């Protein structure tokens, strides 16, 4: 999949992703996932759930600029 985006959109997308990476984890927002991971360390289902939540958030960011 390749989506052509303008240089300006790319700049904003890149900046938002860098800001997300550099910002501290929002413990309130992710409290349910953190609790799930603490209660089930090494549980593949808990890890998959965490990955799905994070991927959904990344998809939402990309949708703002690509779609």
N, C-alpha and C. Protein backbone atom coordinates (compact mmCIF):
# COMPACT_ATOMS: atom_id res chain seq x y z
N UNK A 1 0.84 -1.18 0.00
CA UNK A 1 0.00 0.00 0.00
C UNK A 1 0.88 1.23 0.00
N UNK A 2 0.62 2.13 -0.90
CA UNK A 2 1.38 3.37 -0.95
C UNK A 2 0.40 4.50 -1.17
N UNK A 3 0.44 5.46 -0.29
CA UNK A 3 -0.43 6.62 -0.43
C UNK A 3 0.43 7.85 -0.61
N UNK A 4 0.17 8.58 -1.64
CA UNK A 4 0.91 9.81 -1.87
C UNK A 4 0.30 10.90 -1.00
N UNK A 5 1.15 11.53 -0.21
CA UNK A 5 0.69 12.65 0.60
C UNK A 5 1.61 13.83 0.32
N UNK A 6 1.08 15.00 0.54
CA UNK A 6 1.86 16.21 0.28
C UNK A 6 3.01 16.31 1.28
N UNK A 7 4.00 17.10 0.93
CA UNK A 7 5.13 17.32 1.82
C UNK A 7 4.66 17.91 3.15
N UNK A 8 3.68 18.78 3.08
CA UNK A 8 3.16 19.42 4.30
C UNK A 8 2.49 18.40 5.22
N UNK A 9 1.64 17.53 4.62
CA UNK A 9 1.00 16.49 5.43
C UNK A 9 2.05 15.55 6.02
N UNK A 10 3.05 15.22 5.21
CA UNK A 10 4.12 14.35 5.70
C UNK A 10 4.83 15.00 6.89
N UNK A 11 5.07 16.29 6.80
CA UNK A 11 5.73 17.02 7.88
C UNK A 11 4.90 16.94 9.17
N UNK A 12 3.59 17.17 9.05
CA UNK A 12 2.72 17.12 10.22
C UNK A 12 2.63 15.70 10.78
N UNK A 13 2.51 14.72 9.91
CA UNK A 13 2.45 13.33 10.34
C UNK A 13 3.73 12.95 11.06
N UNK A 14 4.86 13.29 10.48
CA UNK A 14 6.15 12.98 11.07
C UNK A 14 6.29 13.64 12.44
N UNK A 15 5.90 14.89 12.54
CA UNK A 15 6.00 15.62 13.81
C UNK A 15 5.10 14.97 14.87
N UNK A 16 3.88 14.61 14.49
CA UNK A 16 2.96 14.00 15.45
C UNK A 16 3.49 12.66 15.95
N UNK A 17 4.05 11.86 15.05
CA UNK A 17 4.60 10.57 15.47
C UNK A 17 5.83 10.75 16.36
N UNK A 18 6.67 11.71 16.06
CA UNK A 18 7.83 11.99 16.90
C UNK A 18 7.39 12.47 18.28
N UNK A 19 6.38 13.33 18.32
CA UNK A 19 5.86 13.81 19.60
C UNK A 19 5.27 12.66 20.42
N UNK A 20 4.55 11.78 19.75
CA UNK A 20 3.96 10.63 20.43
C UNK A 20 5.07 9.75 21.02
N UNK A 21 6.11 9.51 20.24
CA UNK A 21 7.22 8.68 20.69
C UNK A 21 7.95 9.31 21.88
N UNK A 22 8.10 10.62 21.87
CA UNK A 22 8.86 11.32 22.91
C UNK A 22 8.04 11.58 24.18
N UNK A 23 6.73 11.55 24.07
CA UNK A 23 5.91 11.88 25.23
C UNK A 23 5.83 10.71 26.20
N UNK A 24 5.66 11.02 27.48
CA UNK A 24 5.53 9.94 28.46
C UNK A 24 4.21 9.18 28.25
N UNK A 25 4.18 7.96 28.70
CA UNK A 25 2.98 7.13 28.58
C UNK A 25 1.89 7.72 29.48
N UNK A 26 0.71 7.88 28.92
CA UNK A 26 -0.44 8.38 29.68
C UNK A 26 -0.97 7.23 30.54
N UNK A 27 -0.58 7.23 31.81
CA UNK A 27 -0.92 6.11 32.69
C UNK A 27 -2.41 5.98 32.92
N UNK A 28 -3.13 7.08 32.93
CA UNK A 28 -4.58 7.01 33.11
C UNK A 28 -5.22 6.37 31.88
N UNK A 29 -4.83 6.84 30.72
CA UNK A 29 -5.39 6.34 29.46
C UNK A 29 -5.13 4.84 29.29
N UNK A 30 -3.95 4.40 29.66
CA UNK A 30 -3.55 3.01 29.45
C UNK A 30 -3.67 2.15 30.71
N UNK A 31 -4.34 2.64 31.74
CA UNK A 31 -4.37 1.92 33.02
C UNK A 31 -4.93 0.50 32.88
N UNK A 32 -5.98 0.33 32.09
CA UNK A 32 -6.57 -1.00 31.94
C UNK A 32 -5.58 -1.97 31.30
N UNK A 33 -4.88 -1.50 30.30
CA UNK A 33 -3.89 -2.36 29.63
C UNK A 33 -2.73 -2.67 30.56
N UNK A 34 -2.26 -1.66 31.28
CA UNK A 34 -1.14 -1.86 32.21
C UNK A 34 -1.52 -2.88 33.27
N UNK A 35 -2.73 -2.74 33.81
CA UNK A 35 -3.21 -3.70 34.81
C UNK A 35 -3.28 -5.10 34.23
N UNK A 36 -3.82 -5.21 33.02
CA UNK A 36 -3.93 -6.52 32.36
C UNK A 36 -2.56 -7.15 32.17
N UNK A 37 -1.58 -6.36 31.76
CA UNK A 37 -0.24 -6.89 31.53
C UNK A 37 0.43 -7.28 32.86
N UNK A 38 0.19 -6.50 33.92
CA UNK A 38 0.77 -6.82 35.23
C UNK A 38 0.15 -8.09 35.81
N UNK A 39 -1.15 -8.27 35.60
CA UNK A 39 -1.84 -9.43 36.16
C UNK A 39 -1.55 -10.70 35.37
N UNK A 40 -1.16 -10.56 34.13
CA UNK A 40 -0.91 -11.73 33.28
C UNK A 40 0.42 -11.59 32.55
N UNK A 41 1.52 -11.51 33.30
CA UNK A 41 2.81 -11.34 32.61
C UNK A 41 3.09 -12.52 31.68
N UNK A 42 3.49 -12.21 30.49
CA UNK A 42 3.81 -13.24 29.52
C UNK A 42 2.61 -13.84 28.82
N UNK A 43 1.41 -13.37 29.14
CA UNK A 43 0.19 -13.89 28.51
C UNK A 43 0.10 -13.36 27.08
N UNK A 44 0.12 -14.25 26.09
CA UNK A 44 0.08 -13.79 24.69
C UNK A 44 -1.18 -13.00 24.35
N UNK A 45 -2.32 -13.36 24.94
CA UNK A 45 -3.56 -12.65 24.65
C UNK A 45 -3.50 -11.22 25.18
N UNK A 46 -2.90 -11.03 26.34
CA UNK A 46 -2.76 -9.68 26.90
C UNK A 46 -1.85 -8.84 26.01
N UNK A 47 -0.76 -9.44 25.54
CA UNK A 47 0.15 -8.71 24.65
C UNK A 47 -0.52 -8.37 23.34
N UNK A 48 -1.30 -9.29 22.79
CA UNK A 48 -2.01 -9.02 21.53
C UNK A 48 -3.03 -7.91 21.71
N UNK A 49 -3.71 -7.90 22.85
CA UNK A 49 -4.68 -6.84 23.12
C UNK A 49 -3.97 -5.48 23.18
N UNK A 50 -2.85 -5.43 23.86
CA UNK A 50 -2.06 -4.19 23.95
C UNK A 50 -1.63 -3.73 22.56
N UNK A 51 -1.14 -4.65 21.76
CA UNK A 51 -0.70 -4.31 20.40
C UNK A 51 -1.86 -3.78 19.56
N UNK A 52 -3.04 -4.39 19.69
CA UNK A 52 -4.21 -3.93 18.93
C UNK A 52 -4.60 -2.51 19.32
N UNK A 53 -4.57 -2.21 20.62
CA UNK A 53 -4.94 -0.86 21.08
C UNK A 53 -3.95 0.17 20.53
N UNK A 54 -2.67 -0.12 20.62
CA UNK A 54 -1.65 0.80 20.13
C UNK A 54 -1.76 0.98 18.62
N UNK A 55 -1.97 -0.13 17.90
CA UNK A 55 -2.10 -0.04 16.44
C UNK A 55 -3.32 0.79 16.05
N UNK A 56 -4.42 0.64 16.76
CA UNK A 56 -5.62 1.43 16.47
C UNK A 56 -5.33 2.93 16.64
N UNK A 57 -4.58 3.27 17.66
CA UNK A 57 -4.24 4.67 17.87
C UNK A 57 -3.33 5.19 16.76
N UNK A 58 -2.38 4.38 16.33
CA UNK A 58 -1.51 4.79 15.22
C UNK A 58 -2.30 4.93 13.93
N UNK A 59 -3.22 4.02 13.70
CA UNK A 59 -4.06 4.10 12.50
C UNK A 59 -4.86 5.39 12.49
N UNK A 60 -5.37 5.79 13.65
CA UNK A 60 -6.13 7.04 13.73
C UNK A 60 -5.25 8.24 13.36
N UNK A 61 -4.01 8.23 13.79
CA UNK A 61 -3.10 9.32 13.43
C UNK A 61 -2.86 9.33 11.93
N UNK A 62 -2.59 8.17 11.35
CA UNK A 62 -2.34 8.10 9.90
C UNK A 62 -3.56 8.52 9.10
N UNK A 63 -4.73 8.16 9.57
CA UNK A 63 -5.96 8.53 8.85
C UNK A 63 -6.13 10.03 8.73
N UNK A 64 -5.65 10.77 9.72
CA UNK A 64 -5.76 12.22 9.67
C UNK A 64 -5.01 12.82 8.48
N UNK A 65 -3.94 12.15 8.08
CA UNK A 65 -3.07 12.73 7.05
C UNK A 65 -3.10 11.99 5.73
N UNK A 66 -3.44 10.71 5.73
CA UNK A 66 -3.34 9.91 4.52
C UNK A 66 -4.68 9.74 3.84
N UNK A 67 -5.74 9.58 4.60
CA UNK A 67 -7.03 9.28 4.00
C UNK A 67 -7.89 10.52 3.89
